[in-house]
N, C-alpha and C. Protein backbone atom coordinates (compact mmCIF):
# COMPACT_ATOMS: atom_id res chain seq x y z
N MET A 1 132.38 127.44 5.89
CA MET A 1 131.38 128.10 6.15
C MET A 1 130.83 129.54 5.20
N THR A 2 129.71 128.91 4.93
CA THR A 2 129.46 129.97 3.70
C THR A 2 128.97 131.46 4.44
N GLN A 3 128.46 132.49 3.93
CA GLN A 3 128.58 133.82 4.33
C GLN A 3 126.93 133.84 4.89
N HIS A 4 126.11 132.76 4.15
CA HIS A 4 124.25 133.23 4.66
C HIS A 4 123.83 131.83 5.42
N GLY A 5 125.32 130.91 5.57
CA GLY A 5 124.40 130.29 7.09
C GLY A 5 125.17 128.54 6.83
N ALA A 6 124.84 127.41 7.02
CA ALA A 6 125.55 125.90 7.37
C ALA A 6 125.66 125.58 5.72
N PRO A 7 126.99 125.31 5.29
CA PRO A 7 126.80 124.60 4.55
C PRO A 7 126.08 123.39 3.44
N THR A 8 125.72 123.24 2.33
CA THR A 8 124.65 122.12 2.18
C THR A 8 125.35 120.80 2.32
N TYR A 9 124.95 119.88 3.11
CA TYR A 9 125.11 118.71 3.23
C TYR A 9 125.21 117.85 2.39
N SER A 10 126.07 116.98 1.84
CA SER A 10 125.97 115.95 0.81
C SER A 10 126.42 114.33 1.73
N ALA A 11 125.13 113.64 1.71
CA ALA A 11 125.45 112.29 2.10
C ALA A 11 126.58 111.34 1.43
N LYS A 12 127.22 111.14 2.58
CA LYS A 12 128.40 109.79 2.18
C LYS A 12 127.58 108.57 2.02
N PRO A 13 128.58 107.54 1.32
CA PRO A 13 128.01 105.96 1.51
C PRO A 13 127.96 105.72 3.01
N GLY A 14 128.90 106.02 3.76
CA GLY A 14 128.22 105.36 5.06
C GLY A 14 127.56 106.24 5.97
N ASP A 15 126.70 106.78 5.35
CA ASP A 15 125.39 107.47 6.22
C ASP A 15 124.21 106.71 5.45
N ILE A 16 124.62 106.18 4.71
CA ILE A 16 122.85 105.73 4.03
C ILE A 16 122.96 104.77 4.56
N GLU A 17 121.43 104.25 5.06
CA GLU A 17 121.02 102.85 6.00
C GLU A 17 119.44 102.31 4.82
N PRO A 18 119.72 101.93 3.59
CA PRO A 18 118.36 101.63 3.38
C PRO A 18 117.52 100.76 4.07
N GLN A 19 116.32 100.95 4.29
CA GLN A 19 114.81 100.22 5.07
C GLN A 19 114.51 99.57 3.65
N TRP A 20 113.70 98.54 4.37
CA TRP A 20 112.90 97.91 3.48
C TRP A 20 111.22 98.13 3.69
N PHE A 21 110.46 98.26 3.00
CA PHE A 21 109.03 98.78 3.24
C PHE A 21 108.07 97.82 1.65
N VAL A 22 106.99 97.72 2.56
CA VAL A 22 105.78 96.95 1.41
C VAL A 22 104.83 97.64 1.69
N VAL A 23 104.44 97.90 0.22
CA VAL A 23 102.88 98.77 -0.06
C VAL A 23 102.13 97.95 -0.34
N ASP A 24 100.77 97.30 -0.22
CA ASP A 24 99.27 97.07 -0.74
C ASP A 24 99.11 97.70 -1.61
N ALA A 25 98.77 97.14 -2.97
CA ALA A 25 98.39 97.57 -4.33
C ALA A 25 96.89 97.81 -4.42
N GLU A 26 96.61 97.01 -3.23
CA GLU A 26 95.02 96.96 -3.97
C GLU A 26 94.04 98.02 -3.58
N ASP A 27 93.32 98.41 -4.57
CA ASP A 27 92.00 99.25 -4.48
C ASP A 27 93.03 101.04 -4.20
N MET A 28 94.50 100.57 -4.84
CA MET A 28 95.26 102.32 -4.83
C MET A 28 95.18 102.55 -6.23
N VAL A 29 95.06 103.86 -6.57
CA VAL A 29 95.10 104.46 -8.06
C VAL A 29 96.58 104.37 -8.04
N LEU A 30 96.59 103.94 -9.95
CA LEU A 30 97.67 103.56 -10.34
C LEU A 30 98.70 104.98 -10.18
N GLY A 31 98.37 105.62 -10.49
CA GLY A 31 99.69 106.81 -10.58
C GLY A 31 99.87 107.32 -8.98
N ARG A 32 99.20 107.59 -8.66
CA ARG A 32 99.45 108.14 -7.21
C ARG A 32 100.12 107.21 -6.68
N LEU A 33 100.06 105.90 -6.73
CA LEU A 33 100.77 104.83 -5.87
C LEU A 33 101.91 105.25 -6.39
N ALA A 34 102.23 105.33 -7.49
CA ALA A 34 103.51 105.50 -8.56
C ALA A 34 104.18 106.56 -8.04
N THR A 35 103.86 107.57 -7.86
CA THR A 35 104.35 108.88 -7.14
C THR A 35 105.03 108.46 -5.82
N GLU A 36 104.11 107.79 -4.71
CA GLU A 36 104.81 107.86 -3.72
C GLU A 36 106.25 106.50 -3.33
N VAL A 37 105.43 105.59 -4.32
CA VAL A 37 106.69 104.82 -4.18
C VAL A 37 108.15 105.21 -4.87
N ALA A 38 107.88 106.17 -6.22
CA ALA A 38 109.06 106.83 -6.77
C ALA A 38 109.50 107.75 -5.86
N ARG A 39 109.20 108.25 -4.88
CA ARG A 39 109.45 109.41 -4.27
C ARG A 39 110.30 108.47 -2.73
N ILE A 40 109.94 107.21 -2.31
CA ILE A 40 110.74 106.73 -1.28
C ILE A 40 111.98 105.67 -2.12
N LEU A 41 112.09 105.38 -3.09
CA LEU A 41 112.76 104.60 -4.20
C LEU A 41 114.06 105.46 -4.25
N ARG A 42 113.47 107.21 -4.65
CA ARG A 42 114.66 108.27 -4.61
C ARG A 42 115.19 108.60 -3.36
N GLY A 43 114.83 108.45 -2.41
CA GLY A 43 115.24 109.16 -0.97
C GLY A 43 114.67 110.07 -0.59
N LYS A 44 113.82 111.16 -1.03
CA LYS A 44 112.84 112.34 -1.08
C LYS A 44 112.35 112.72 0.38
N HIS A 45 111.98 111.15 1.02
CA HIS A 45 111.82 111.28 2.03
C HIS A 45 112.13 111.21 3.55
N LYS A 46 113.42 111.26 3.03
CA LYS A 46 114.89 111.23 4.24
C LYS A 46 115.30 112.35 4.05
N PRO A 47 115.70 113.04 5.46
CA PRO A 47 116.49 114.63 5.31
C PRO A 47 117.86 114.45 4.91
N ILE A 48 118.36 113.34 4.09
CA ILE A 48 119.75 112.86 4.09
C ILE A 48 119.84 113.05 2.53
N PHE A 49 118.55 113.39 1.85
CA PHE A 49 118.33 113.30 0.75
C PHE A 49 119.55 113.97 -0.50
N THR A 50 120.22 113.82 -1.11
CA THR A 50 121.07 114.04 -2.02
C THR A 50 121.26 113.76 -3.73
N PRO A 51 120.22 114.70 -4.27
CA PRO A 51 120.34 113.93 -5.86
C PRO A 51 121.32 113.23 -6.44
N HIS A 52 122.64 113.23 -6.28
CA HIS A 52 123.35 112.69 -7.04
C HIS A 52 123.96 111.20 -6.45
N MET A 53 123.16 111.09 -5.21
CA MET A 53 123.32 109.72 -4.49
C MET A 53 121.92 108.89 -4.44
N ASP A 54 122.15 107.93 -4.36
CA ASP A 54 121.48 106.71 -3.97
C ASP A 54 120.83 106.25 -2.39
N THR A 55 120.17 107.24 -2.19
CA THR A 55 119.74 107.36 -0.94
C THR A 55 118.68 106.77 -0.34
N GLY A 56 117.58 106.35 -1.54
CA GLY A 56 116.27 105.44 -1.10
C GLY A 56 116.53 104.12 -0.67
N ASP A 57 115.27 103.79 -0.38
CA ASP A 57 114.28 102.69 0.27
C ASP A 57 114.23 101.91 -0.71
N HIS A 58 114.20 100.13 -0.05
CA HIS A 58 113.78 99.16 -0.87
C HIS A 58 112.23 99.10 -0.68
N VAL A 59 111.57 98.81 -1.87
CA VAL A 59 110.01 98.84 -2.01
C VAL A 59 109.57 97.80 -2.49
N ILE A 60 108.57 97.15 -1.66
CA ILE A 60 108.13 96.14 -2.27
C ILE A 60 106.60 96.15 -2.24
N VAL A 61 106.29 95.88 -3.68
CA VAL A 61 104.66 96.15 -4.01
C VAL A 61 104.05 94.83 -4.11
N ILE A 62 103.08 94.43 -3.28
CA ILE A 62 102.18 93.43 -3.26
C ILE A 62 100.83 93.77 -3.94
N ASN A 63 99.77 92.86 -4.29
CA ASN A 63 98.83 92.71 -4.84
C ASN A 63 98.47 93.87 -6.08
N ALA A 64 99.64 93.95 -7.00
CA ALA A 64 100.06 94.44 -8.65
C ALA A 64 99.11 93.87 -9.36
N SER A 65 97.97 93.17 -9.00
CA SER A 65 96.98 93.03 -10.30
C SER A 65 95.43 93.65 -9.58
N LYS A 66 95.61 93.95 -8.33
CA LYS A 66 94.42 94.91 -7.86
C LYS A 66 94.68 96.65 -7.77
N VAL A 67 95.46 96.83 -8.65
CA VAL A 67 95.09 98.30 -9.19
C VAL A 67 94.31 98.98 -9.69
N LYS A 68 94.09 100.07 -9.34
CA LYS A 68 92.94 100.71 -10.21
C LYS A 68 93.33 101.96 -11.36
N VAL A 69 92.78 102.26 -11.59
CA VAL A 69 93.21 103.41 -12.84
C VAL A 69 91.41 104.49 -12.82
N THR A 70 92.04 105.26 -12.79
CA THR A 70 90.52 106.66 -12.77
C THR A 70 89.94 106.93 -14.14
N GLY A 71 89.07 106.96 -14.16
CA GLY A 71 88.51 107.50 -15.68
C GLY A 71 88.06 106.23 -16.83
N ASN A 72 88.57 106.62 -17.69
CA ASN A 72 88.45 105.58 -18.94
C ASN A 72 89.61 105.09 -18.59
N LYS A 73 90.57 105.39 -18.13
CA LYS A 73 91.76 104.77 -18.59
C LYS A 73 91.83 102.78 -19.22
N ALA A 74 91.02 102.20 -18.25
CA ALA A 74 90.72 100.99 -17.98
C ALA A 74 90.32 100.52 -19.20
N THR A 75 89.97 101.15 -20.09
CA THR A 75 89.37 101.30 -21.54
C THR A 75 90.14 101.70 -22.91
N GLN A 76 90.60 102.99 -22.58
CA GLN A 76 91.29 103.67 -23.79
C GLN A 76 93.00 103.73 -23.33
N LYS A 77 93.74 103.21 -21.88
CA LYS A 77 94.77 103.33 -22.05
C LYS A 77 95.81 102.45 -22.58
N THR A 78 96.54 102.65 -23.21
CA THR A 78 97.42 101.27 -24.23
C THR A 78 98.92 101.70 -23.70
N TYR A 79 99.70 100.87 -24.04
CA TYR A 79 101.25 100.49 -23.39
C TYR A 79 102.03 100.00 -25.15
N PHE A 80 102.69 101.16 -25.41
CA PHE A 80 103.56 101.28 -26.52
C PHE A 80 104.71 100.94 -26.41
N LYS A 81 104.82 99.29 -27.63
CA LYS A 81 106.58 99.05 -27.71
C LYS A 81 106.73 98.91 -29.08
N HIS A 82 108.42 99.46 -29.27
CA HIS A 82 108.25 98.95 -30.65
C HIS A 82 109.72 97.91 -30.80
N THR A 83 109.76 97.30 -32.08
CA THR A 83 110.87 96.09 -32.33
C THR A 83 112.35 96.75 -32.51
N GLY A 84 112.17 98.02 -33.37
CA GLY A 84 113.04 98.19 -33.85
C GLY A 84 113.20 98.32 -35.16
N TYR A 85 112.36 97.60 -35.72
CA TYR A 85 111.77 97.35 -37.60
C TYR A 85 110.85 98.26 -37.96
N MET A 86 110.47 98.85 -38.87
CA MET A 86 109.49 99.60 -39.59
C MET A 86 108.13 98.98 -39.28
N GLY A 87 107.45 99.72 -38.88
CA GLY A 87 106.13 99.09 -39.00
C GLY A 87 105.78 98.17 -37.46
N HIS A 88 106.92 97.93 -36.76
CA HIS A 88 106.58 96.94 -35.59
C HIS A 88 106.04 97.33 -34.87
N GLU A 89 105.61 97.91 -34.32
CA GLU A 89 105.00 98.83 -33.08
C GLU A 89 103.88 97.93 -32.85
N SER A 90 103.73 98.03 -31.44
CA SER A 90 102.55 97.52 -30.88
C SER A 90 101.89 98.13 -29.60
N HIS A 91 100.15 98.14 -29.68
CA HIS A 91 99.97 98.69 -28.73
C HIS A 91 99.21 98.03 -27.64
N THR A 92 99.50 97.92 -26.43
CA THR A 92 98.99 96.78 -25.67
C THR A 92 98.16 97.57 -25.24
N PRO A 93 96.33 96.98 -24.64
CA PRO A 93 95.28 97.51 -24.17
C PRO A 93 95.93 97.30 -22.54
N PHE A 94 95.46 98.42 -21.41
CA PHE A 94 95.64 98.44 -20.50
C PHE A 94 95.38 96.83 -19.75
N ALA A 95 93.75 96.74 -20.12
CA ALA A 95 93.24 95.51 -19.66
C ALA A 95 93.82 94.01 -19.79
N THR A 96 94.42 93.99 -20.99
CA THR A 96 95.29 92.78 -21.74
C THR A 96 96.82 93.06 -20.76
N MET A 97 97.57 94.12 -20.03
CA MET A 97 98.14 93.76 -19.37
C MET A 97 98.52 94.13 -18.25
N ILE A 98 97.39 94.49 -17.72
CA ILE A 98 97.03 94.07 -16.40
C ILE A 98 96.69 92.55 -15.87
N ALA A 99 96.16 91.98 -16.88
CA ALA A 99 95.81 90.49 -16.60
C ALA A 99 97.10 89.66 -17.51
N LYS A 100 97.56 90.19 -17.91
CA LYS A 100 98.82 89.00 -18.11
C LYS A 100 100.26 89.62 -17.48
N HIS A 101 100.49 90.68 -17.41
CA HIS A 101 101.46 91.04 -16.38
C HIS A 101 101.27 91.93 -15.61
N PRO A 102 100.71 92.37 -14.60
CA PRO A 102 100.52 93.22 -14.05
C PRO A 102 101.66 93.91 -12.92
N ALA A 103 102.74 93.13 -12.66
CA ALA A 103 104.21 93.66 -11.94
C ALA A 103 104.48 94.76 -13.43
N ARG A 104 104.47 94.52 -14.53
CA ARG A 104 104.87 95.69 -15.49
C ARG A 104 104.10 96.70 -15.35
N VAL A 105 102.75 96.80 -15.27
CA VAL A 105 101.68 98.22 -15.13
C VAL A 105 102.52 98.96 -14.09
N ILE A 106 102.76 98.44 -12.79
CA ILE A 106 103.24 99.48 -11.61
C ILE A 106 104.83 99.29 -12.16
N GLU A 107 105.55 98.93 -12.88
CA GLU A 107 107.30 99.01 -12.87
C GLU A 107 107.24 100.13 -13.53
N ARG A 108 106.13 100.03 -14.42
CA ARG A 108 106.46 101.35 -15.85
C ARG A 108 105.76 102.51 -15.22
N ALA A 109 104.90 102.62 -14.52
CA ALA A 109 104.32 103.77 -13.52
C ALA A 109 105.28 104.20 -13.23
N ILE A 110 105.89 103.72 -12.45
CA ILE A 110 106.82 104.00 -11.32
C ILE A 110 108.41 104.48 -12.27
N TYR A 111 108.62 103.44 -13.05
CA TYR A 111 109.98 104.49 -13.97
C TYR A 111 109.36 105.87 -15.01
N GLY A 112 108.22 105.91 -15.22
CA GLY A 112 107.72 106.89 -15.49
C GLY A 112 108.14 108.35 -14.50
N MET A 113 108.05 108.27 -13.39
CA MET A 113 108.11 108.95 -12.30
C MET A 113 109.19 109.61 -11.87
N LEU A 114 110.78 108.30 -12.22
CA LEU A 114 111.47 108.78 -11.91
C LEU A 114 112.54 109.53 -13.04
N PRO A 115 113.74 110.62 -12.76
CA PRO A 115 114.59 110.84 -13.84
C PRO A 115 115.32 109.79 -14.87
N LYS A 116 115.62 110.02 -15.72
CA LYS A 116 116.39 108.94 -16.83
C LYS A 116 117.55 109.31 -16.55
N ASN A 117 118.08 108.76 -15.72
CA ASN A 117 119.66 108.56 -15.31
C ASN A 117 120.10 107.16 -14.81
N GLY A 118 121.10 106.79 -14.81
CA GLY A 118 121.61 105.45 -14.40
C GLY A 118 121.30 105.44 -12.74
N LEU A 119 120.95 106.16 -12.15
CA LEU A 119 120.75 105.86 -10.88
C LEU A 119 119.53 105.75 -10.68
N ALA A 120 118.46 105.83 -11.35
CA ALA A 120 117.08 105.81 -11.51
C ALA A 120 117.11 104.00 -11.89
N ARG A 121 118.05 104.12 -13.08
CA ARG A 121 117.55 102.45 -13.59
C ARG A 121 117.85 101.75 -12.59
N ASN A 122 119.02 101.89 -11.75
CA ASN A 122 119.57 100.95 -10.74
C ASN A 122 118.65 100.80 -9.53
N SER A 123 117.91 102.12 -9.15
CA SER A 123 117.04 101.71 -8.33
C SER A 123 115.94 100.97 -8.67
N ILE A 124 115.34 101.29 -9.87
CA ILE A 124 114.37 100.16 -10.37
C ILE A 124 114.41 99.08 -10.36
N ARG A 125 116.05 98.66 -11.00
CA ARG A 125 116.21 97.29 -11.38
C ARG A 125 116.42 96.69 -9.58
N GLY A 126 117.48 97.21 -8.85
CA GLY A 126 117.54 96.80 -7.72
C GLY A 126 116.81 96.69 -6.37
N LYS A 127 116.07 97.78 -6.40
CA LYS A 127 115.25 98.20 -5.32
C LYS A 127 114.11 98.13 -5.43
N LEU A 128 113.26 97.52 -6.35
CA LEU A 128 111.79 97.61 -6.60
C LEU A 128 111.32 95.94 -6.66
N LYS A 129 110.82 95.63 -5.93
CA LYS A 129 110.06 94.52 -6.41
C LYS A 129 108.92 94.17 -6.63
N VAL A 130 107.86 93.78 -7.05
CA VAL A 130 106.54 94.14 -7.59
C VAL A 130 105.90 92.68 -7.94
N TYR A 131 105.02 91.96 -6.87
CA TYR A 131 104.11 91.21 -7.35
C TYR A 131 102.71 91.13 -7.26
N ALA A 132 102.28 89.81 -8.23
CA ALA A 132 100.97 90.19 -8.68
C ALA A 132 100.05 90.04 -7.38
N GLY A 133 100.66 88.88 -7.01
CA GLY A 133 99.77 88.31 -5.28
C GLY A 133 100.22 89.04 -4.03
N SER A 134 99.90 88.48 -2.79
CA SER A 134 100.13 88.96 -1.71
C SER A 134 101.20 88.57 -1.29
N ASP A 135 101.56 87.12 -1.90
CA ASP A 135 103.00 86.84 -1.10
C ASP A 135 104.66 87.64 -1.68
N HIS A 136 105.35 87.18 -0.86
CA HIS A 136 106.80 87.84 -1.08
C HIS A 136 107.47 87.54 -0.72
N PRO A 137 108.65 86.59 -1.31
CA PRO A 137 109.80 85.92 -0.81
C PRO A 137 111.19 86.81 0.46
N HIS A 138 110.62 88.21 0.82
CA HIS A 138 111.95 89.39 0.98
C HIS A 138 111.39 88.81 3.41
N VAL A 139 110.66 88.20 3.42
CA VAL A 139 110.43 88.40 4.65
C VAL A 139 111.45 88.30 5.67
N ALA A 140 112.58 87.83 5.21
CA ALA A 140 113.69 87.86 6.11
C ALA A 140 114.22 89.50 6.36
N GLN A 141 113.80 90.30 5.44
CA GLN A 141 114.34 91.84 5.23
C GLN A 141 113.48 92.72 6.39
N LYS A 142 112.39 92.01 6.97
CA LYS A 142 111.36 92.70 8.12
C LYS A 142 110.66 93.74 7.42
N PRO A 143 110.16 93.80 6.39
CA PRO A 143 109.65 95.17 5.43
C PRO A 143 108.72 95.77 6.71
N GLN A 144 108.57 96.98 6.64
CA GLN A 144 107.86 97.55 7.53
C GLN A 144 106.30 97.97 6.46
N PRO A 145 105.25 97.74 6.55
CA PRO A 145 104.18 98.21 5.95
C PRO A 145 104.18 99.66 5.91
N LEU A 146 104.15 99.82 5.20
CA LEU A 146 103.61 101.37 4.45
C LEU A 146 102.32 101.76 3.80
N THR A 147 101.70 102.88 4.51
CA THR A 147 100.48 103.16 4.08
C THR A 147 100.37 104.46 3.31
N PHE A 148 99.88 104.84 2.27
CA PHE A 148 99.31 106.07 1.53
C PHE A 148 98.21 106.38 1.94
N GLN A 149 97.31 107.97 1.49
CA GLN A 149 96.15 108.11 1.69
C GLN A 149 95.44 107.34 0.51
N LYS A 150 94.44 106.79 0.26
CA LYS A 150 93.90 106.19 -0.44
C LYS A 150 93.06 107.21 -1.20
N SER A 151 92.95 107.93 -2.43
CA SER A 151 92.15 108.66 -3.28
C SER A 151 91.12 107.82 -3.73
N GLU A 152 89.84 108.63 -3.66
CA GLU A 152 88.70 108.10 -4.37
C GLU A 152 88.49 108.04 -5.53
N THR A 153 87.95 107.42 -6.26
CA THR A 153 88.22 106.83 -7.57
C THR A 153 86.47 107.32 -8.25
N ARG A 154 86.75 107.81 -9.40
CA ARG A 154 85.85 108.48 -9.72
C ARG A 154 84.82 107.72 -10.52
């Protein structure tokens, strides 16, 4: 015990019990949805949060194609990709991306909210499931519905 109080708690692998949550992205603002989902993937909502351990939960996002953006982002936002060759860069508009790959829009937004390390990449790869429609194959895990405050779009 330290001089100033109780020692800092550090979660052990046996203490971590991941849960499953389902989030309906219909009419939710993309950035606000991404911050809340990133918080749950990291485990920051739990009292046993430890930065170097994967204490997060599994998150299923449904209705990804119905997510909203504020302001002029629907017409001005682009997604950048580079192949590695000189001059081979592509800028995909938000409208095209949400029409063709709605799950990627949410995955990239959530990835941007996470720290850039192996722990975050593993949680994106293994704990985040995004579906364009309202159906998902994870009924056996009994996911609990998760609701956030819906902010008003301007």
